[in-house]
Amino acid sequence: MVIFLESCNNNNNNNNNNNNNNNNNNNNNNNNNNNNNNNNNNNKIVRIRIVEAKNRESKNRFGEITNFFDRVEFQNRGAAHIHSCYWTTNSIESMITNNIIRSTVFDLLYEPELYSAVVTNQIHTCNEKGQGPVIPGQTCKKGFPCPYCEITHYEEGNCRYIYKCLTEADSWVVPYHAPILLIWDAYMNIQYITDKGFVRYMAKYIAKQKPSHIFNIHEHDKLREHVIARQLGSMELMFLLLGHTIYNSSATVNFLNTEPPTIRTRSILPIYMIDKNDENPYYDDTIMKYMARPHLPEFENLTYP
């Protein structure tokens, strides 16, 4: 079976720091340094949470994860937003029976930590930005409030499963996985995927491109007159600078050079390496050339002009 996980990291620290910056104009440099440190810390927290949630809860709850696809997206406010698809060995029917994906508010007396996490992170609100509040008797564009039902089930022709909903409070709950929610401690939306829903989700969210714009720059350099650029937030910048993956998948891709051998571009070995083996004067590929680069101190801080 296939499930998808959509999760967003809380970014309250950044919002507080931004407010402090607006109120303390005399300390801009110090606040900027604090923001950079907090962005770095939030970045680490996101990556740690992802790995911890996968490692601790995947095997026992979902069975074995046979394949996966993760994509980190960055919202307009800069927060990291993860879209994931997981192929698991356990069937949807068995997970529904074991109540793996929940959509209800549990008793504060028996599960206080889970109750707090659900109320804090998993309650859908139809605000004015989302064209709300919803008209009584109708549902919003996200499908809330959810219909009442005693068990999670699928109705033919729908893109999504209909999740268990027993009370009015349950009708506003976004589906979640309790152990991961307690680890993640932030908003998440985890659902079983139908064939139709999977294609729609993959096309709309996981593979969509970043928004970009074309700018006209009035310069004498013809090569720089037209530049394609996009907005880059501080969180995404920290991900890229620290070498964290934006895309991660269990499927690997191997590049195949389809050019005829006579016109392929290849890197030539240094003379001392050719002397050792003059039958093949080329690197196997550019990656091998890069890995064979000199590891000397003078090359560590070498940059291009």
C-alpha atoms as a PDB file:
ATOM      1  CA  MET A   1       0.000   0.000   0.000  1.00  0.00           C
ATOM      2  CA  VAL A   2       0.985   3.629  -0.346  1.00  0.00           C
ATOM      3  CA  ILE A   3       0.631   6.422   2.183  1.00  0.00           C
ATOM      4  CA  PHE A   4       1.626  10.043   1.941  1.00  0.00           C
ATOM      5  CA  LEU A   5       2.869  12.345   4.635  1.00  0.00           C
ATOM      6  CA  GLU A   6       2.720  16.116   4.506  1.00  0.00           C
ATOM      7  CA  SER A   7       4.364  17.841   7.441  1.00  0.00           C
ATOM      8  CA  CYS A   8       5.401  21.355   8.347  1.00  0.00           C
ATOM      9  CA  ASN A   9       8.003  22.482  10.860  1.00  0.00           C
ATOM     10  CA  ASN A  10       6.892  25.047  13.439  1.00  0.00           C
ATOM     11  CA  ASN A  11       8.648  28.329  12.885  1.00  0.00           C
ATOM     12  CA  ASN A  12       7.571  30.269  15.955  1.00  0.00           C
ATOM     13  CA  ASN A  13      11.115  31.198  16.918  1.00  0.00           C
ATOM     14  CA  ASN A  14      11.712  32.869  13.591  1.00  0.00           C
ATOM     15  CA  ASN A  15       8.457  34.826  13.835  1.00  0.00           C
ATOM     16  CA  ASN A  16       9.373  36.062  17.302  1.00  0.00           C
ATOM     17  CA  ASN A  17      12.829  37.095  16.154  1.00  0.00           C
ATOM     18  CA  ASN A  18      11.362  38.986  13.204  1.00  0.00           C
ATOM     19  CA  ASN A  19       9.076  40.909  15.576  1.00  0.00           C
ATOM     20  CA  ASN A  20      12.038  41.721  17.789  1.00  0.00           C
ATOM     21  CA  ASN A  21      13.938  43.025  14.774  1.00  0.00           C
ATOM     22  CA  ASN A  22      11.103  45.416  13.941  1.00  0.00           C
ATOM     23  CA  ASN A  23      11.025  46.749  17.495  1.00  0.00           C
ATOM     24  CA  ASN A  24      14.802  47.055  17.940  1.00  0.00           C
ATOM     25  CA  ASN A  25      16.200  48.873  14.929  1.00  0.00           C
ATOM     26  CA  ASN A  26      19.404  49.762  16.758  1.00  0.00           C
ATOM     27  CA  ASN A  27      20.414  46.123  17.086  1.00  0.00           C
ATOM     28  CA  ASN A  28      19.899  44.979  13.496  1.00  0.00           C
ATOM     29  CA  ASN A  29      23.286  43.308  13.166  1.00  0.00           C
ATOM     30  CA  ASN A  30      22.883  41.319  16.377  1.00  0.00           C
ATOM     31  CA  ASN A  31      19.342  40.292  15.478  1.00  0.00           C
ATOM     32  CA  ASN A  32      20.401  39.200  12.008  1.00  0.00           C
ATOM     33  CA  ASN A  33      23.079  36.996  13.533  1.00  0.00           C
ATOM     34  CA  ASN A  34      20.493  35.532  15.904  1.00  0.00           C
ATOM     35  CA  ASN A  35      18.146  34.862  12.989  1.00  0.00           C
ATOM     36  CA  ASN A  36      20.885  33.049  11.082  1.00  0.00           C
ATOM     37  CA  ASN A  37      21.666  30.915  14.118  1.00  0.00           C
ATOM     38  CA  ASN A  38      17.990  30.124  14.675  1.00  0.00           C
ATOM     39  CA  ASN A  39      17.493  29.263  11.000  1.00  0.00           C
ATOM     40  CA  ASN A  40      20.447  26.900  11.274  1.00  0.00           C
ATOM     41  CA  ASN A  41      19.019  25.347  14.452  1.00  0.00           C
ATOM     42  CA  ASN A  42      15.550  24.986  12.909  1.00  0.00           C
ATOM     43  CA  ASN A  43      17.174  23.420   9.865  1.00  0.00           C
ATOM     44  CA  LYS A  44      18.904  20.829  12.057  1.00  0.00           C
ATOM     45  CA  ILE A  45      15.682  20.175  13.972  1.00  0.00           C
ATOM     46  CA  VAL A  46      13.785  19.481  10.754  1.00  0.00           C
ATOM     47  CA  ARG A  47      16.358  16.960   9.514  1.00  0.00           C
ATOM     48  CA  ILE A  48      16.654  15.254  12.917  1.00  0.00           C
ATOM     49  CA  ARG A  49      12.880  14.969  13.233  1.00  0.00           C
ATOM     50  CA  ILE A  50      12.511  13.431   9.774  1.00  0.00           C
ATOM     51  CA  VAL A  51      15.165  10.775  10.398  1.00  0.00           C
ATOM     52  CA  GLU A  52      13.973  10.035  13.937  1.00  0.00           C
ATOM     53  CA  ALA A  53      10.345   9.664  12.883  1.00  0.00           C
ATOM     54  CA  LYS A  54      11.262   7.291  10.053  1.00  0.00           C
ATOM     55  CA  ASN A  55      13.655   5.139  12.047  1.00  0.00           C
ATOM     56  CA  ARG A  56      11.525   4.746  15.161  1.00  0.00           C
ATOM     57  CA  GLU A  57       8.071   4.233  13.718  1.00  0.00           C
ATOM     58  CA  SER A  58       8.311   2.762  10.245  1.00  0.00           C
ATOM     59  CA  LYS A  59       8.916  -0.954  10.859  1.00  0.00           C
ATOM     60  CA  ASN A  60       6.413  -1.777  13.600  1.00  0.00           C
ATOM     61  CA  ARG A  61       3.596   0.521  12.508  1.00  0.00           C
ATOM     62  CA  PHE A  62       3.627   0.354   8.719  1.00  0.00           C
ATOM     63  CA  GLY A  63       5.543  -2.866   8.157  1.00  0.00           C
ATOM     64  CA  GLU A  64       8.645  -2.533   6.011  1.00  0.00           C
ATOM     65  CA  ILE A  65       8.974   0.619   3.900  1.00  0.00           C
ATOM     66  CA  THR A  66       9.885  -0.847   0.520  1.00  0.00           C
ATOM     67  CA  ASN A  67      10.139   2.474  -1.350  1.00  0.00           C
ATOM     68  CA  PHE A  68       9.911   6.152  -0.498  1.00  0.00           C
ATOM     69  CA  PHE A  69      10.048   9.610  -2.028  1.00  0.00           C
ATOM     70  CA  ASP A  70      10.652  12.801   0.004  1.00  0.00           C
ATOM     71  CA  ARG A  71      10.571  16.367  -1.204  1.00  0.00           C
ATOM     72  CA  VAL A  72      11.283  19.379   1.026  1.00  0.00           C
ATOM     73  CA  GLU A  73       9.308  22.434  -0.033  1.00  0.00           C
ATOM     74  CA  PHE A  74       9.686  25.923   1.418  1.00  0.00           C
ATOM     75  CA  GLN A  75       6.607  28.030   2.027  1.00  0.00           C
ATOM     76  CA  ASN A  76       6.375  31.763   1.375  1.00  0.00           C
ATOM     77  CA  ARG A  77       7.092  32.411   5.053  1.00  0.00           C
ATOM     78  CA  GLY A  78      10.255  30.302   4.761  1.00  0.00           C
ATOM     79  CA  ALA A  79       9.215  27.249   6.797  1.00  0.00           C
ATOM     80  CA  ALA A  80      10.319  23.813   5.620  1.00  0.00           C
ATOM     81  CA  HIS A  81       7.398  21.707   4.383  1.00  0.00           C
ATOM     82  CA  ILE A  82       7.940  18.011   3.636  1.00  0.00           C
ATOM     83  CA  HIS A  83       5.915  15.990   1.119  1.00  0.00           C
ATOM     84  CA  SER A  84       6.501  12.233   1.272  1.00  0.00           C
ATOM     85  CA  CYS A  85       5.193   9.021  -0.261  1.00  0.00           C
ATOM     86  CA  TYR A  86       5.861   5.626   1.333  1.00  0.00           C
ATOM     87  CA  TRP A  87       5.272   2.156  -0.086  1.00  0.00           C
ATOM     88  CA  THR A  88       4.741  -0.279   2.808  1.00  0.00           C
ATOM     89  CA  THR A  89       4.257  -4.026   3.227  1.00  0.00           C
ATOM     90  CA  ASN A  90       1.266  -3.748   5.572  1.00  0.00           C
ATOM     91  CA  SER A  91      -2.094  -3.458   3.815  1.00  0.00           C
ATOM     92  CA  ILE A  92      -4.465  -0.533   4.244  1.00  0.00           C
ATOM     93  CA  GLU A  93      -7.103  -2.870   5.702  1.00  0.00           C
ATOM     94  CA  SER A  94      -4.754  -4.084   8.450  1.00  0.00           C
ATOM     95  CA  MET A  95      -3.713  -0.541   9.325  1.00  0.00           C
ATOM     96  CA  ILE A  96      -7.328   0.615   9.497  1.00  0.00           C
ATOM     97  CA  THR A  97      -8.042  -2.301  11.853  1.00  0.00           C
ATOM     98  CA  ASN A  98      -5.082  -1.304  14.052  1.00  0.00           C
ATOM     99  CA  ASN A  99      -6.062   2.389  13.938  1.00  0.00           C
ATOM    100  CA  ILE A 100      -2.652   3.422  12.585  1.00  0.00           C
ATOM    101  CA  ILE A 101      -3.851   6.691  11.046  1.00  0.00           C
ATOM    102  CA  ARG A 102      -6.125   8.543  13.444  1.00  0.00           C
ATOM    103  CA  SER A 103      -8.545  11.411  12.921  1.00  0.00           C
ATOM    104  CA  THR A 104     -10.139  11.828  16.338  1.00  0.00           C
ATOM    105  CA  VAL A 105      -9.531  13.871  19.480  1.00  0.00           C
ATOM    106  CA  PHE A 106      -8.752  11.480  22.318  1.00  0.00           C
ATOM    107  CA  ASP A 107      -9.604  11.863  25.988  1.00  0.00           C
ATOM    108  CA  LEU A 108      -7.472  14.405  27.841  1.00  0.00           C
ATOM    109  CA  LEU A 109      -7.576  12.195  30.952  1.00  0.00           C
ATOM    110  CA  TYR A 110      -6.093   9.060  29.310  1.00  0.00           C
ATOM    111  CA  GLU A 111      -3.791  10.564  26.655  1.00  0.00           C
ATOM    112  CA  PRO A 112      -2.889  14.100  27.785  1.00  0.00           C
ATOM    113  CA  GLU A 113       0.245  14.451  25.630  1.00  0.00           C
ATOM    114  CA  LEU A 114      -1.484  13.233  22.475  1.00  0.00           C
ATOM    115  CA  TYR A 115      -4.538  15.361  23.226  1.00  0.00           C
ATOM    116  CA  SER A 116      -2.346  18.453  23.545  1.00  0.00           C
ATOM    117  CA  ALA A 117      -0.461  17.650  20.316  1.00  0.00           C
ATOM    118  CA  VAL A 118      -3.689  17.140  18.353  1.00  0.00           C
ATOM    119  CA  VAL A 119      -5.393  20.274  19.668  1.00  0.00           C
ATOM    120  CA  THR A 120      -2.260  22.367  19.099  1.00  0.00           C
ATOM    121  CA  ASN A 121      -1.280  21.117  15.646  1.00  0.00           C
ATOM    122  CA  GLN A 122      -4.049  19.109  13.963  1.00  0.00           C
ATOM    123  CA  ILE A 123      -7.193  21.247  14.141  1.00  0.00           C
ATOM    124  CA  HIS A 124      -8.221  22.778  10.803  1.00  0.00           C
ATOM    125  CA  THR A 125      -9.365  26.401  10.973  1.00  0.00           C
ATOM    126  CA  CYS A 126     -11.223  28.144   8.157  1.00  0.00           C
ATOM    127  CA  ASN A 127      -9.846  31.665   8.438  1.00  0.00           C
ATOM    128  CA  GLU A 128     -10.388  34.677   6.189  1.00  0.00           C
ATOM    129  CA  LYS A 129      -7.193  33.944   4.227  1.00  0.00           C
ATOM    130  CA  GLY A 130      -8.640  30.552   3.320  1.00  0.00           C
ATOM    131  CA  GLN A 131     -11.938  32.158   2.221  1.00  0.00           C
ATOM    132  CA  GLY A 132     -13.608  31.225   5.494  1.00  0.00           C
ATOM    133  CA  PRO A 133     -15.242  30.761   7.900  1.00  0.00           C
ATOM    134  CA  VAL A 134     -17.323  28.051   6.276  1.00  0.00           C
ATOM    135  CA  ILE A 135     -21.059  28.626   5.774  1.00  0.00           C
ATOM    136  CA  PRO A 136     -23.166  26.475   8.164  1.00  0.00           C
ATOM    137  CA  GLY A 137     -24.215  23.248   6.469  1.00  0.00           C
ATOM    138  CA  GLN A 138     -21.434  23.420   3.858  1.00  0.00           C
ATOM    139  CA  THR A 139     -17.786  22.357   3.693  1.00  0.00           C
ATOM    140  CA  CYS A 140     -14.716  24.455   2.938  1.00  0.00           C
ATOM    141  CA  LYS A 141     -12.430  23.844  -0.038  1.00  0.00           C
ATOM    142  CA  LYS A 142     -10.376  21.453   2.135  1.00  0.00           C
ATOM    143  CA  GLY A 143     -13.433  19.319   2.955  1.00  0.00           C
ATOM    144  CA  PHE A 144     -14.015  20.472   6.539  1.00  0.00           C
ATOM    145  CA  PRO A 145     -16.018  19.823   8.616  1.00  0.00           C
ATOM    146  CA  CYS A 146     -15.659  16.123   7.797  1.00  0.00           C
ATOM    147  CA  PRO A 147     -18.737  13.866   7.636  1.00  0.00           C
ATOM    148  CA  TYR A 148     -19.556  11.626  10.594  1.00  0.00           C
ATOM    149  CA  CYS A 149     -18.601   7.953  10.208  1.00  0.00           C
ATOM    150  CA  GLU A 150     -17.820   5.107  12.604  1.00  0.00           C
ATOM    151  CA  ILE A 151     -14.851   3.641  10.715  1.00  0.00           C
ATOM    152  CA  THR A 152     -12.292   4.764   8.164  1.00  0.00           C
ATOM    153  CA  HIS A 153     -13.371   3.552   4.726  1.00  0.00           C
ATOM    154  CA  TYR A 154     -13.110   4.203   1.002  1.00  0.00           C
ATOM    155  CA  GLU A 155     -16.011   5.034  -1.318  1.00  0.00           C
ATOM    156  CA  GLU A 156     -15.604   4.201  -4.988  1.00  0.00           C
ATOM    157  CA  GLY A 157     -14.826   7.216  -7.164  1.00  0.00           C
ATOM    158  CA  ASN A 158     -13.320   9.384  -4.410  1.00  0.00           C
ATOM    159  CA  CYS A 159      -9.737  10.633  -4.393  1.00  0.00           C
ATOM    160  CA  ARG A 160      -9.377  10.139  -0.633  1.00  0.00           C
ATOM    161  CA  TYR A 161     -10.447   7.844   2.159  1.00  0.00           C
ATOM    162  CA  ILE A 162     -13.174   8.990   4.540  1.00  0.00           C
ATOM    163  CA  TYR A 163     -11.752   8.931   8.055  1.00  0.00           C
ATOM    164  CA  LYS A 164     -13.347   8.004  11.360  1.00  0.00           C
ATOM    165  CA  CYS A 165     -15.321  10.915  12.813  1.00  0.00           C
ATOM    166  CA  LEU A 166     -17.494  10.473  15.913  1.00  0.00           C
ATOM    167  CA  THR A 167     -17.919  13.965  17.377  1.00  0.00           C
ATOM    168  CA  GLU A 168     -18.087  17.571  16.232  1.00  0.00           C
ATOM    169  CA  ALA A 169     -14.521  18.071  17.473  1.00  0.00           C
ATOM    170  CA  ASP A 170     -13.362  15.136  15.318  1.00  0.00           C
ATOM    171  CA  SER A 171     -14.833  16.748  12.194  1.00  0.00           C
ATOM    172  CA  TRP A 172     -12.092  19.407  12.241  1.00  0.00           C
ATOM    173  CA  VAL A 173      -9.138  17.062  12.847  1.00  0.00           C
ATOM    174  CA  VAL A 174      -6.509  16.586  10.117  1.00  0.00           C
ATOM    175  CA  PRO A 175      -5.474  12.881   9.906  1.00  0.00           C
ATOM    176  CA  TYR A 176      -2.313  12.042  11.855  1.00  0.00           C
ATOM    177  CA  HIS A 177      -0.131   9.167  13.051  1.00  0.00           C
ATOM    178  CA  ALA A 178       0.089   9.427  16.825  1.00  0.00           C
ATOM    179  CA  PRO A 179       3.710   8.282  17.468  1.00  0.00           C
ATOM    180  CA  ILE A 180       5.116  10.435  14.642  1.00  0.00           C
ATOM    181  CA  LEU A 181       3.020  13.409  15.787  1.00  0.00           C
ATOM    182  CA  LEU A 182       4.481  13.132  19.289  1.00  0.00           C
ATOM    183  CA  ILE A 183       8.007  13.012  17.832  1.00  0.00           C
ATOM    184  CA  TRP A 184       7.385  15.701  15.234  1.00  0.00           C
ATOM    185  CA  ASP A 185       5.426  18.053  17.539  1.00  0.00           C
ATOM    186  CA  ALA A 186       4.141  20.057  14.560  1.00  0.00           C
ATOM    187  CA  TYR A 187       1.443  19.933  11.894  1.00  0.00           C
ATOM    188  CA  MET A 188       1.189  16.810   9.766  1.00  0.00           C
ATOM    189  CA  ASN A 189      -1.292  15.308   7.295  1.00  0.00           C
ATOM    190  CA  ILE A 190      -0.913  11.579   6.704  1.00  0.00           C
ATOM    191  CA  GLN A 191      -3.398   9.648   4.566  1.00  0.00           C
ATOM    192  CA  TYR A 192      -3.911   6.395   2.715  1.00  0.00           C
ATOM    193  CA  ILE A 193      -3.584   6.879  -1.024  1.00  0.00           C
ATOM    194  CA  THR A 194      -5.984   5.720  -3.707  1.00  0.00           C
ATOM    195  CA  ASP A 195      -4.906   5.173  -7.308  1.00  0.00           C
ATOM    196  CA  LYS A 196      -6.562   8.394  -8.433  1.00  0.00           C
ATOM    197  CA  GLY A 197      -5.360  10.358  -5.424  1.00  0.00           C
ATOM    198  CA  PHE A 198      -1.788   9.149  -5.833  1.00  0.00           C
ATOM    199  CA  VAL A 199      -1.474  10.398  -9.416  1.00  0.00           C
ATOM    200  CA  ARG A 200      -2.987  13.738  -8.469  1.00  0.00           C
ATOM    201  CA  TYR A 201      -0.734  14.144  -5.449  1.00  0.00           C
ATOM    202  CA  MET A 202       2.439  13.231  -7.320  1.00  0.00           C
ATOM    203  CA  ALA A 203       1.659  15.607 -10.171  1.00  0.00           C
ATOM    204  CA  LYS A 204       0.525  18.538  -8.039  1.00  0.00           C
ATOM    205  CA  TYR A 205       2.872  18.552  -5.062  1.00  0.00           C
ATOM    206  CA  ILE A 206       5.929  16.337  -5.237  1.00  0.00           C
ATOM    207  CA  ALA A 207       7.094  17.109  -8.765  1.00  0.00           C
ATOM    208  CA  LYS A 208       6.008  20.746  -9.090  1.00  0.00           C
ATOM    209  CA  GLN A 209       8.645  23.336  -9.977  1.00  0.00           C
ATOM    210  CA  LYS A 210       9.605  26.374  -7.959  1.00  0.00           C
ATOM    211  CA  PRO A 211       7.961  29.632  -9.123  1.00  0.00           C
ATOM    212  CA  SER A 212      10.357  31.714 -11.191  1.00  0.00           C
ATOM    213  CA  HIS A 213      10.280  34.976 -13.133  1.00  0.00           C
ATOM    214  CA  ILE A 214      12.147  36.481 -16.065  1.00  0.00           C
ATOM    215  CA  PHE A 215      13.889  39.787 -15.381  1.00  0.00           C
ATOM    216  CA  ASN A 216      15.184  42.220 -18.003  1.00  0.00           C
ATOM    217  CA  ILE A 217      18.503  43.744 -16.942  1.00  0.00           C
ATOM    218  CA  HIS A 218      19.697  46.778 -18.879  1.00  0.00           C
ATOM    219  CA  GLU A 219      23.399  46.118 -19.232  1.00  0.00           C
ATOM    220  CA  HIS A 220      25.929  46.170 -22.033  1.00  0.00           C
ATOM    221  CA  ASP A 221      26.540  42.465 -21.502  1.00  0.00           C
ATOM    222  CA  LYS A 222      24.141  40.699 -23.881  1.00  0.00           C
ATOM    223  CA  LEU A 223      24.437  37.454 -21.912  1.00  0.00           C
ATOM    224  CA  ARG A 224      22.996  39.097 -18.775  1.00  0.00           C
ATOM    225  CA  GLU A 225      20.132  41.020 -20.347  1.00  0.00           C
ATOM    226  CA  HIS A 226      17.655  38.230 -19.608  1.00  0.00           C
ATOM    227  CA  VAL A 227      17.950  36.437 -16.292  1.00  0.00           C
ATOM    228  CA  ILE A 228      15.657  33.734 -14.937  1.00  0.00           C
ATOM    229  CA  ALA A 229      15.491  33.961 -11.146  1.00  0.00           C
ATOM    230  CA  ARG A 230      13.308  32.908  -8.239  1.00  0.00           C
ATOM    231  CA  GLN A 231      12.841  33.830  -4.595  1.00  0.00           C
ATOM    232  CA  LEU A 232      15.136  32.000  -2.183  1.00  0.00           C
ATOM    233  CA  GLY A 233      14.345  32.059   1.532  1.00  0.00           C
ATOM    234  CA  SER A 234      16.843  31.802   4.378  1.00  0.00           C
ATOM    235  CA  MET A 235      15.758  28.269   5.383  1.00  0.00           C
ATOM    236  CA  GLU A 236      16.159  26.941   1.835  1.00  0.00           C
ATOM    237  CA  LEU A 237      19.507  28.695   1.561  1.00  0.00           C
ATOM    238  CA  MET A 238      20.708  27.004   4.760  1.00  0.00           C
ATOM    239  CA  PHE A 239      19.585  23.604   3.429  1.00  0.00           C
ATOM    240  CA  LEU A 240      21.590  24.132   0.245  1.00  0.00           C
ATOM    241  CA  LEU A 241      24.690  25.535   1.973  1.00  0.00           C
ATOM    242  CA  LEU A 242      24.783  22.680   4.479  1.00  0.00           C
ATOM    243  CA  GLY A 243      24.354  20.079   1.756  1.00  0.00           C
ATOM    244  CA  HIS A 244      20.993  18.719   2.951  1.00  0.00           C
ATOM    245  CA  THR A 245      18.908  16.968   0.322  1.00  0.00           C
ATOM    246  CA  ILE A 246      15.809  18.671  -1.055  1.00  0.00           C
ATOM    247  CA  TYR A 247      14.792  15.494  -2.895  1.00  0.00           C
ATOM    248  CA  ASN A 248      15.362  12.003  -1.526  1.00  0.00           C
ATOM    249  CA  SER A 249      14.200   8.736  -3.022  1.00  0.00           C
ATOM    250  CA  SER A 250      14.803   5.012  -2.799  1.00  0.00           C
ATOM    251  CA  ALA A 251      14.955   4.910  -6.607  1.00  0.00           C
ATOM    252  CA  THR A 252      18.365   5.728  -8.069  1.00  0.00           C
ATOM    253  CA  VAL A 253      19.122   7.347 -11.399  1.00  0.00           C
ATOM    254  CA  ASN A 254      22.158   6.465 -13.502  1.00  0.00           C
ATOM    255  CA  PHE A 255      23.273   8.780 -16.285  1.00  0.00           C
ATOM    256  CA  LEU A 256      23.753   7.049 -19.627  1.00  0.00           C
ATOM    257  CA  ASN A 257      25.833   8.840 -22.237  1.00  0.00           C
ATOM    258  CA  THR A 258      23.959   8.281 -25.484  1.00  0.00           C
ATOM    259  CA  GLU A 259      26.389  10.232 -27.664  1.00  0.00           C
ATOM    260  CA  PRO A 260      28.370   8.197 -30.230  1.00  0.00           C
ATOM    261  CA  PRO A 261      31.816   7.239 -28.835  1.00  0.00           C
ATOM    262  CA  THR A 262      33.616   9.378 -31.415  1.00  0.00           C
ATOM    263  CA  ILE A 263      32.060  12.658 -30.228  1.00  0.00           C
ATOM    264  CA  ARG A 264      31.823  12.070 -26.478  1.00  0.00           C
ATOM    265  CA  THR A 265      33.566  14.550 -24.180  1.00  0.00           C
ATOM    266  CA  ARG A 266      36.024  12.851 -21.814  1.00  0.00           C
ATOM    267  CA  SER A 267      38.555  14.015 -19.227  1.00  0.00           C
ATOM    268  CA  ILE A 268      42.228  13.213 -19.897  1.00  0.00           C
ATOM    269  CA  LEU A 269      44.345  11.653 -17.149  1.00  0.00           C
ATOM    270  CA  PRO A 270      47.486  13.428 -15.856  1.00  0.00           C
ATOM    271  CA  ILE A 271      50.709  12.410 -17.597  1.00  0.00           C
ATOM    272  CA  TYR A 272      52.023  10.388 -14.638  1.00  0.00           C
ATOM    273  CA  MET A 273      48.846   8.291 -14.655  1.00  0.00           C
ATOM    274  CA  ILE A 274      49.036   7.783 -18.422  1.00  0.00           C
ATOM    275  CA  ASP A 275      52.627   6.531 -18.047  1.00  0.00           C
ATOM    276  CA  LYS A 276      51.375   3.819 -15.699  1.00  0.00           C
ATOM    277  CA  ASN A 277      48.667   2.695 -18.113  1.00  0.00           C
ATOM    278  CA  ASP A 278      48.875   4.050 -21.647  1.00  0.00           C
ATOM    279  CA  GLU A 279      46.075   1.858 -22.995  1.00  0.00           C
ATOM    280  CA  ASN A 280      43.340   4.122 -21.619  1.00  0.00           C
ATOM    281  CA  PRO A 281      44.324   7.818 -21.244  1.00  0.00           C
ATOM    282  CA  TYR A 282      40.876   8.930 -20.011  1.00  0.00           C
ATOM    283  CA  TYR A 283      38.978   9.047 -16.726  1.00  0.00           C
ATOM    284  CA  ASP A 284      35.978   6.744 -16.672  1.00  0.00           C
ATOM    285  CA  ASP A 285      33.775   9.777 -16.005  1.00  0.00           C
ATOM    286  CA  THR A 286      33.951  13.301 -14.558  1.00  0.00           C
ATOM    287  CA  ILE A 287      33.011  12.037 -11.094  1.00  0.00           C
ATOM    288  CA  MET A 288      36.131   9.859 -10.986  1.00  0.00           C
ATOM    289  CA  LYS A 289      38.194  12.886 -11.979  1.00  0.00           C
ATOM    290  CA  TYR A 290      36.671  14.933  -9.168  1.00  0.00           C
ATOM    291  CA  MET A 291      37.233  12.199  -6.576  1.00  0.00           C
ATOM    292  CA  ALA A 292      40.893  11.935  -7.686  1.00  0.00           C
ATOM    293  CA  ARG A 293      41.539  15.650  -7.088  1.00  0.00           C
ATOM    294  CA  PRO A 294      44.520  16.656  -4.868  1.00  0.00           C
ATOM    295  CA  HIS A 295      43.700  16.712  -1.152  1.00  0.00           C
ATOM    296  CA  LEU A 296      46.192  19.402  -0.140  1.00  0.00           C
ATOM    297  CA  PRO A 297      45.774  22.432   2.173  1.00  0.00           C
ATOM    298  CA  GLU A 298      46.192  24.951  -0.645  1.00  0.00           C
ATOM    299  CA  PHE A 299      43.168  23.472  -2.402  1.00  0.00           C
ATOM    300  CA  GLU A 300      40.832  23.528   0.595  1.00  0.00           C
ATOM    301  CA  ASN A 301      39.922  27.226   0.357  1.00  0.00           C
ATOM    302  CA  LEU A 302      40.332  27.533  -3.400  1.00  0.00           C
ATOM    303  CA  THR A 303      37.484  29.419  -5.086  1.00  0.00           C
ATOM    304  CA  TYR A 304      36.798  30.526  -8.611  1.00  0.00           C
ATOM    305  CA  PRO A 305      37.054  34.273  -9.309  1.00  0.00           C
END
